[in-house]
């Protein structure tokens, strides 16, 4: 029984460890090729600005026109939540407006590593 509990804890930690292992330099390159069409670090565009994203409550950038679904979300952006979001935004917050997914786990980890450096 103890081994099962330990295994369950390890499996719960693995997704967080995978996200934490991202390459921020590669994430910046990915951001500049994939995200920049709608987002910016400093300014709101089609999507909200990303400076200070990690730790910020979802749907909370003053003056940005969020979907009602995202404005009403009850979570803050953490590495695991960003991983879920980037993998499938609509599954994470039904009714949101971002129509883009990052299917590759390494790409997501790298993007999250980069966004974690932008305070």
N, C-alpha and C. Protein backbone atom coordinates (compact mmCIF):
# COMPACT_ATOMS: atom_id res chain seq x y z
N UNK A 1 0.83 -1.20 0.00
CA UNK A 1 0.00 0.00 0.00
C UNK A 1 0.87 1.26 0.00
N UNK A 2 1.92 1.24 0.80
CA UNK A 2 2.82 2.40 0.87
C UNK A 2 3.45 2.67 -0.50
N UNK A 3 3.82 1.63 -1.22
CA UNK A 3 4.41 1.79 -2.55
C UNK A 3 3.43 2.44 -3.52
N UNK A 4 2.16 2.10 -3.40
CA UNK A 4 1.13 2.68 -4.27
C UNK A 4 0.99 4.18 -3.99
N UNK A 5 1.02 4.56 -2.72
CA UNK A 5 0.92 5.97 -2.35
C UNK A 5 2.12 6.74 -2.89
N UNK A 6 3.31 6.17 -2.74
CA UNK A 6 4.52 6.83 -3.23
C UNK A 6 4.46 6.96 -4.75
N UNK A 7 4.03 5.91 -5.44
CA UNK A 7 3.91 5.96 -6.89
C UNK A 7 2.90 7.03 -7.32
N UNK A 8 1.78 7.09 -6.63
CA UNK A 8 0.77 8.10 -6.95
C UNK A 8 1.33 9.51 -6.77
N UNK A 9 2.08 9.75 -5.70
CA UNK A 9 2.69 11.05 -5.48
C UNK A 9 3.70 11.38 -6.57
N UNK A 10 4.51 10.43 -6.96
CA UNK A 10 5.48 10.66 -8.03
C UNK A 10 4.79 10.99 -9.35
N UNK A 11 3.73 10.28 -9.65
CA UNK A 11 3.00 10.55 -10.89
C UNK A 11 2.33 11.91 -10.86
N UNK A 12 1.93 12.35 -9.70
CA UNK A 12 1.32 13.68 -9.58
C UNK A 12 2.36 14.78 -9.76
N UNK A 13 3.59 14.52 -9.36
CA UNK A 13 4.65 15.51 -9.43
C UNK A 13 5.26 15.58 -10.82
N UNK A 14 5.26 14.50 -11.58
CA UNK A 14 5.93 14.47 -12.88
C UNK A 14 5.48 15.57 -13.84
N UNK A 15 4.19 15.85 -14.00
CA UNK A 15 3.83 16.94 -14.92
C UNK A 15 4.42 18.28 -14.50
N UNK A 16 4.48 18.56 -13.21
CA UNK A 16 5.06 19.80 -12.72
C UNK A 16 6.55 19.82 -13.02
N UNK A 17 7.23 18.70 -12.80
CA UNK A 17 8.67 18.62 -13.08
C UNK A 17 8.93 18.82 -14.56
N UNK A 18 8.08 18.25 -15.42
CA UNK A 18 8.26 18.42 -16.86
C UNK A 18 8.11 19.88 -17.26
N UNK A 19 7.15 20.56 -16.67
CA UNK A 19 6.95 21.98 -16.97
C UNK A 19 8.14 22.78 -16.47
N UNK A 20 8.63 22.48 -15.28
CA UNK A 20 9.73 23.22 -14.69
C UNK A 20 11.03 23.03 -15.47
N UNK A 21 11.14 21.97 -16.23
CA UNK A 21 12.39 21.66 -16.93
C UNK A 21 12.52 22.38 -18.26
N UNK A 22 11.65 23.31 -18.57
CA UNK A 22 11.68 23.98 -19.86
C UNK A 22 12.91 24.85 -20.07
N UNK A 23 13.20 25.12 -21.34
CA UNK A 23 14.33 25.94 -21.77
C UNK A 23 13.79 27.34 -22.12
N UNK A 24 14.07 28.31 -21.26
CA UNK A 24 13.52 29.65 -21.44
C UNK A 24 14.01 30.32 -22.72
N UNK A 25 15.25 30.08 -23.11
CA UNK A 25 15.77 30.69 -24.34
C UNK A 25 15.01 30.16 -25.56
N UNK A 26 14.80 28.86 -25.59
CA UNK A 26 14.02 28.28 -26.68
C UNK A 26 12.57 28.77 -26.60
N UNK A 27 12.05 28.89 -25.38
CA UNK A 27 10.70 29.40 -25.19
C UNK A 27 10.52 30.80 -25.74
N UNK A 28 11.54 31.63 -25.58
CA UNK A 28 11.47 32.99 -26.13
C UNK A 28 11.39 32.94 -27.66
N UNK A 29 12.19 32.08 -28.28
CA UNK A 29 12.14 31.92 -29.74
C UNK A 29 10.76 31.45 -30.18
N UNK A 30 10.20 30.49 -29.46
CA UNK A 30 8.86 29.99 -29.79
C UNK A 30 7.83 31.11 -29.62
N UNK A 31 7.95 31.87 -28.55
CA UNK A 31 7.02 32.97 -28.31
C UNK A 31 7.05 33.96 -29.47
N UNK A 32 8.26 34.28 -29.91
CA UNK A 32 8.41 35.26 -30.98
C UNK A 32 7.94 34.75 -32.34
N UNK A 33 7.83 33.45 -32.50
CA UNK A 33 7.33 32.92 -33.78
C UNK A 33 5.88 32.47 -33.71
N UNK A 34 5.40 32.09 -32.56
CA UNK A 34 4.05 31.54 -32.46
C UNK A 34 3.04 32.43 -31.76
N UNK A 35 3.47 33.17 -30.78
CA UNK A 35 2.53 33.91 -29.92
C UNK A 35 2.40 35.38 -30.29
N UNK A 36 3.43 35.92 -30.90
CA UNK A 36 3.53 37.35 -31.14
C UNK A 36 2.43 37.88 -32.08
N UNK A 37 1.83 37.00 -32.86
CA UNK A 37 0.75 37.43 -33.74
C UNK A 37 -0.46 37.96 -32.98
N UNK A 38 -0.65 37.49 -31.76
CA UNK A 38 -1.80 37.92 -30.96
C UNK A 38 -1.40 38.55 -29.63
N UNK A 39 -0.21 38.22 -29.12
CA UNK A 39 0.21 38.68 -27.80
C UNK A 39 1.48 39.49 -27.87
N UNK A 40 1.73 40.22 -26.80
CA UNK A 40 2.97 40.96 -26.60
C UNK A 40 3.31 40.85 -25.12
N UNK A 41 4.56 41.02 -24.80
CA UNK A 41 4.94 41.04 -23.38
C UNK A 41 4.42 42.32 -22.73
N UNK A 42 4.54 43.43 -23.42
CA UNK A 42 4.26 44.74 -22.82
C UNK A 42 2.87 45.32 -23.08
N UNK A 43 2.22 44.94 -24.18
CA UNK A 43 0.98 45.62 -24.56
C UNK A 43 -0.13 44.62 -24.87
N UNK A 44 -1.35 45.03 -24.63
CA UNK A 44 -2.51 44.24 -25.03
C UNK A 44 -2.65 44.32 -26.54
N UNK A 45 -2.96 43.20 -27.13
CA UNK A 45 -3.21 43.15 -28.57
C UNK A 45 -4.52 42.38 -28.74
N UNK A 46 -4.57 41.41 -29.63
CA UNK A 46 -5.74 40.55 -29.73
C UNK A 46 -5.91 39.79 -28.41
N UNK A 47 -4.79 39.39 -27.84
CA UNK A 47 -4.75 38.77 -26.52
C UNK A 47 -4.09 39.71 -25.53
N UNK A 48 -4.24 39.46 -24.25
CA UNK A 48 -3.68 40.35 -23.23
C UNK A 48 -2.15 40.26 -23.16
N UNK A 49 -1.54 41.31 -22.61
CA UNK A 49 -0.08 41.33 -22.43
C UNK A 49 0.34 40.21 -21.47
N UNK A 50 1.57 39.78 -21.62
CA UNK A 50 2.05 38.64 -20.84
C UNK A 50 3.04 39.00 -19.74
N UNK A 51 3.49 40.24 -19.64
CA UNK A 51 4.38 40.58 -18.53
C UNK A 51 3.64 40.31 -17.22
N UNK A 52 4.27 39.54 -16.33
CA UNK A 52 3.67 39.23 -15.04
C UNK A 52 2.57 38.18 -15.10
N UNK A 53 2.53 37.43 -16.18
CA UNK A 53 1.46 36.43 -16.34
C UNK A 53 1.47 35.38 -15.23
N UNK A 54 2.63 34.79 -14.96
CA UNK A 54 2.71 33.72 -13.96
C UNK A 54 2.43 34.33 -12.59
N UNK A 55 1.42 33.79 -11.94
CA UNK A 55 0.98 34.28 -10.64
C UNK A 55 -0.21 35.22 -10.71
N UNK A 56 -0.53 35.72 -11.90
CA UNK A 56 -1.65 36.64 -12.07
C UNK A 56 -2.95 35.86 -12.16
N UNK A 57 -4.00 36.44 -11.62
CA UNK A 57 -5.32 35.83 -11.72
C UNK A 57 -5.78 35.87 -13.18
N UNK A 58 -6.33 34.79 -13.66
CA UNK A 58 -6.84 34.72 -15.03
C UNK A 58 -7.92 35.77 -15.24
N UNK A 59 -7.90 36.39 -16.41
CA UNK A 59 -8.93 37.36 -16.77
C UNK A 59 -8.86 38.66 -16.01
N UNK A 60 -7.66 39.07 -15.56
CA UNK A 60 -7.60 40.22 -14.66
C UNK A 60 -6.81 41.43 -15.16
N UNK A 61 -6.35 41.44 -16.40
CA UNK A 61 -5.63 42.62 -16.90
C UNK A 61 -6.64 43.75 -17.09
N UNK A 62 -6.43 44.82 -16.37
CA UNK A 62 -7.35 45.97 -16.45
C UNK A 62 -7.46 46.47 -17.88
N UNK A 63 -8.70 46.67 -18.32
CA UNK A 63 -8.95 47.25 -19.63
C UNK A 63 -8.97 46.26 -20.78
N UNK A 64 -8.57 45.01 -20.55
CA UNK A 64 -8.60 44.04 -21.65
C UNK A 64 -9.99 43.42 -21.74
N UNK A 65 -10.49 43.24 -22.96
CA UNK A 65 -11.83 42.71 -23.20
C UNK A 65 -11.81 41.18 -23.25
N UNK A 66 -11.82 40.56 -22.08
CA UNK A 66 -11.83 39.10 -21.98
C UNK A 66 -13.21 38.54 -22.32
N UNK A 67 -13.23 37.28 -22.70
CA UNK A 67 -14.51 36.58 -22.83
C UNK A 67 -15.12 36.49 -21.43
N UNK A 68 -16.44 36.41 -21.35
CA UNK A 68 -17.06 36.22 -20.03
C UNK A 68 -16.52 34.97 -19.32
N UNK A 69 -16.22 33.92 -20.09
CA UNK A 69 -15.72 32.69 -19.49
C UNK A 69 -14.38 32.91 -18.80
N UNK A 70 -13.46 33.59 -19.46
CA UNK A 70 -12.13 33.78 -18.85
C UNK A 70 -12.19 34.85 -17.76
N UNK A 71 -12.99 35.86 -17.94
CA UNK A 71 -13.14 36.89 -16.91
C UNK A 71 -13.68 36.26 -15.62
N UNK A 72 -14.51 35.24 -15.76
CA UNK A 72 -15.09 34.58 -14.59
C UNK A 72 -14.28 33.41 -14.05
N UNK A 73 -13.12 33.14 -14.65
CA UNK A 73 -12.29 32.03 -14.19
C UNK A 73 -11.81 32.28 -12.77
N UNK A 74 -11.69 31.24 -12.01
CA UNK A 74 -11.33 31.34 -10.59
C UNK A 74 -9.97 30.73 -10.31
N UNK A 75 -8.98 31.04 -11.13
CA UNK A 75 -7.63 30.50 -10.89
C UNK A 75 -6.60 31.54 -11.26
N UNK A 76 -5.40 31.31 -10.80
CA UNK A 76 -4.25 32.13 -11.18
C UNK A 76 -3.36 31.29 -12.08
N UNK A 77 -2.60 31.97 -12.91
CA UNK A 77 -1.72 31.28 -13.86
C UNK A 77 -0.49 30.74 -13.15
N UNK A 78 -0.39 29.43 -13.12
CA UNK A 78 0.76 28.71 -12.59
C UNK A 78 1.32 27.88 -13.75
N UNK A 79 2.48 27.30 -13.56
CA UNK A 79 3.05 26.46 -14.62
C UNK A 79 2.12 25.31 -14.99
N UNK A 80 1.59 24.56 -14.03
CA UNK A 80 0.68 23.47 -14.42
C UNK A 80 -0.59 23.97 -15.12
N UNK A 81 -1.13 25.11 -14.67
CA UNK A 81 -2.34 25.64 -15.31
C UNK A 81 -2.03 26.14 -16.72
N UNK A 82 -0.89 26.79 -16.90
CA UNK A 82 -0.50 27.21 -18.25
C UNK A 82 -0.30 26.01 -19.17
N UNK A 83 0.25 24.94 -18.64
CA UNK A 83 0.42 23.73 -19.44
C UNK A 83 -0.93 23.20 -19.90
N UNK A 84 -1.88 23.12 -19.00
CA UNK A 84 -3.24 22.68 -19.37
C UNK A 84 -3.85 23.61 -20.41
N UNK A 85 -3.74 24.92 -20.17
CA UNK A 85 -4.30 25.93 -21.05
C UNK A 85 -3.72 25.83 -22.45
N UNK A 86 -2.41 25.81 -22.55
CA UNK A 86 -1.77 25.77 -23.86
C UNK A 86 -2.07 24.48 -24.60
N UNK A 87 -2.23 23.39 -23.87
CA UNK A 87 -2.55 22.11 -24.50
C UNK A 87 -3.96 22.12 -25.09
N UNK A 88 -4.90 22.78 -24.39
CA UNK A 88 -6.28 22.81 -24.87
C UNK A 88 -7.06 23.91 -24.14
N UNK A 89 -6.99 25.13 -24.65
CA UNK A 89 -7.67 26.24 -23.96
C UNK A 89 -9.17 26.02 -23.78
N UNK A 90 -9.83 25.48 -24.78
CA UNK A 90 -11.29 25.32 -24.70
C UNK A 90 -11.68 24.28 -23.65
N UNK A 91 -10.88 23.25 -23.51
CA UNK A 91 -11.16 22.25 -22.47
C UNK A 91 -10.90 22.84 -21.09
N UNK A 92 -9.91 23.71 -20.99
CA UNK A 92 -9.55 24.32 -19.71
C UNK A 92 -10.57 25.35 -19.27
N UNK A 93 -11.00 26.21 -20.19
CA UNK A 93 -12.00 27.25 -19.90
C UNK A 93 -12.99 27.28 -21.07
N UNK A 94 -14.05 26.48 -20.99
CA UNK A 94 -15.02 26.48 -22.08
C UNK A 94 -15.60 27.88 -22.32
N UNK A 95 -15.61 28.29 -23.59
CA UNK A 95 -16.14 29.59 -23.94
C UNK A 95 -15.09 30.68 -24.08
N UNK A 96 -13.84 30.35 -23.84
CA UNK A 96 -12.75 31.32 -24.02
C UNK A 96 -12.58 31.63 -25.51
N UNK A 97 -11.73 32.60 -25.85
CA UNK A 97 -11.60 33.02 -27.25
C UNK A 97 -10.29 32.64 -27.93
N UNK A 98 -9.36 32.01 -27.23
CA UNK A 98 -8.08 31.68 -27.84
C UNK A 98 -8.23 30.41 -28.66
N UNK A 99 -8.06 30.51 -29.95
CA UNK A 99 -8.24 29.37 -30.84
C UNK A 99 -6.91 28.81 -31.31
N UNK A 100 -6.01 28.59 -30.37
CA UNK A 100 -4.68 28.09 -30.69
C UNK A 100 -4.25 27.13 -29.59
N UNK A 101 -3.67 26.02 -29.98
CA UNK A 101 -3.17 25.03 -29.04
C UNK A 101 -1.70 24.76 -29.31
N UNK A 102 -0.98 24.40 -28.27
CA UNK A 102 0.41 23.96 -28.39
C UNK A 102 0.42 22.48 -28.01
N UNK A 103 0.45 21.64 -29.02
CA UNK A 103 0.32 20.21 -28.79
C UNK A 103 1.56 19.54 -28.22
N UNK A 104 2.72 20.08 -28.50
CA UNK A 104 3.97 19.44 -28.08
C UNK A 104 4.32 19.84 -26.64
N UNK A 105 4.48 18.84 -25.77
CA UNK A 105 4.75 19.10 -24.35
C UNK A 105 6.06 19.86 -24.15
N UNK A 106 7.07 19.56 -24.93
CA UNK A 106 8.35 20.28 -24.79
C UNK A 106 8.18 21.75 -25.16
N UNK A 107 7.45 22.02 -26.23
CA UNK A 107 7.20 23.41 -26.62
C UNK A 107 6.46 24.15 -25.51
N UNK A 108 5.46 23.50 -24.92
CA UNK A 108 4.71 24.12 -23.83
C UNK A 108 5.64 24.41 -22.65
N UNK A 109 6.47 23.45 -22.29
CA UNK A 109 7.38 23.63 -21.16
C UNK A 109 8.34 24.79 -21.42
N UNK A 110 8.84 24.89 -22.66
CA UNK A 110 9.76 25.97 -23.00
C UNK A 110 9.07 27.33 -22.97
N UNK A 111 7.86 27.39 -23.51
CA UNK A 111 7.10 28.65 -23.47
C UNK A 111 6.83 29.07 -22.03
N UNK A 112 6.45 28.14 -21.21
CA UNK A 112 6.16 28.43 -19.79
C UNK A 112 7.42 28.87 -19.07
N UNK A 113 8.55 28.22 -19.37
CA UNK A 113 9.82 28.63 -18.76
C UNK A 113 10.12 30.08 -19.12
N UNK A 114 9.92 30.44 -20.37
CA UNK A 114 10.15 31.82 -20.79
C UNK A 114 9.17 32.78 -20.10
N UNK A 115 7.89 32.47 -20.14
CA UNK A 115 6.91 33.36 -19.53
C UNK A 115 7.16 33.52 -18.03
N UNK A 116 7.74 32.51 -17.40
CA UNK A 116 8.06 32.59 -15.97
C UNK A 116 9.19 33.58 -15.68
N UNK A 117 9.96 33.95 -16.70
CA UNK A 117 11.05 34.90 -16.50
C UNK A 117 10.62 36.33 -16.74
N UNK A 118 9.44 36.54 -17.27
CA UNK A 118 8.98 37.87 -17.67
C UNK A 118 8.08 38.43 -16.56
N UNK A 119 8.70 39.15 -15.63
CA UNK A 119 7.97 39.65 -14.46
C UNK A 119 7.49 41.06 -14.66
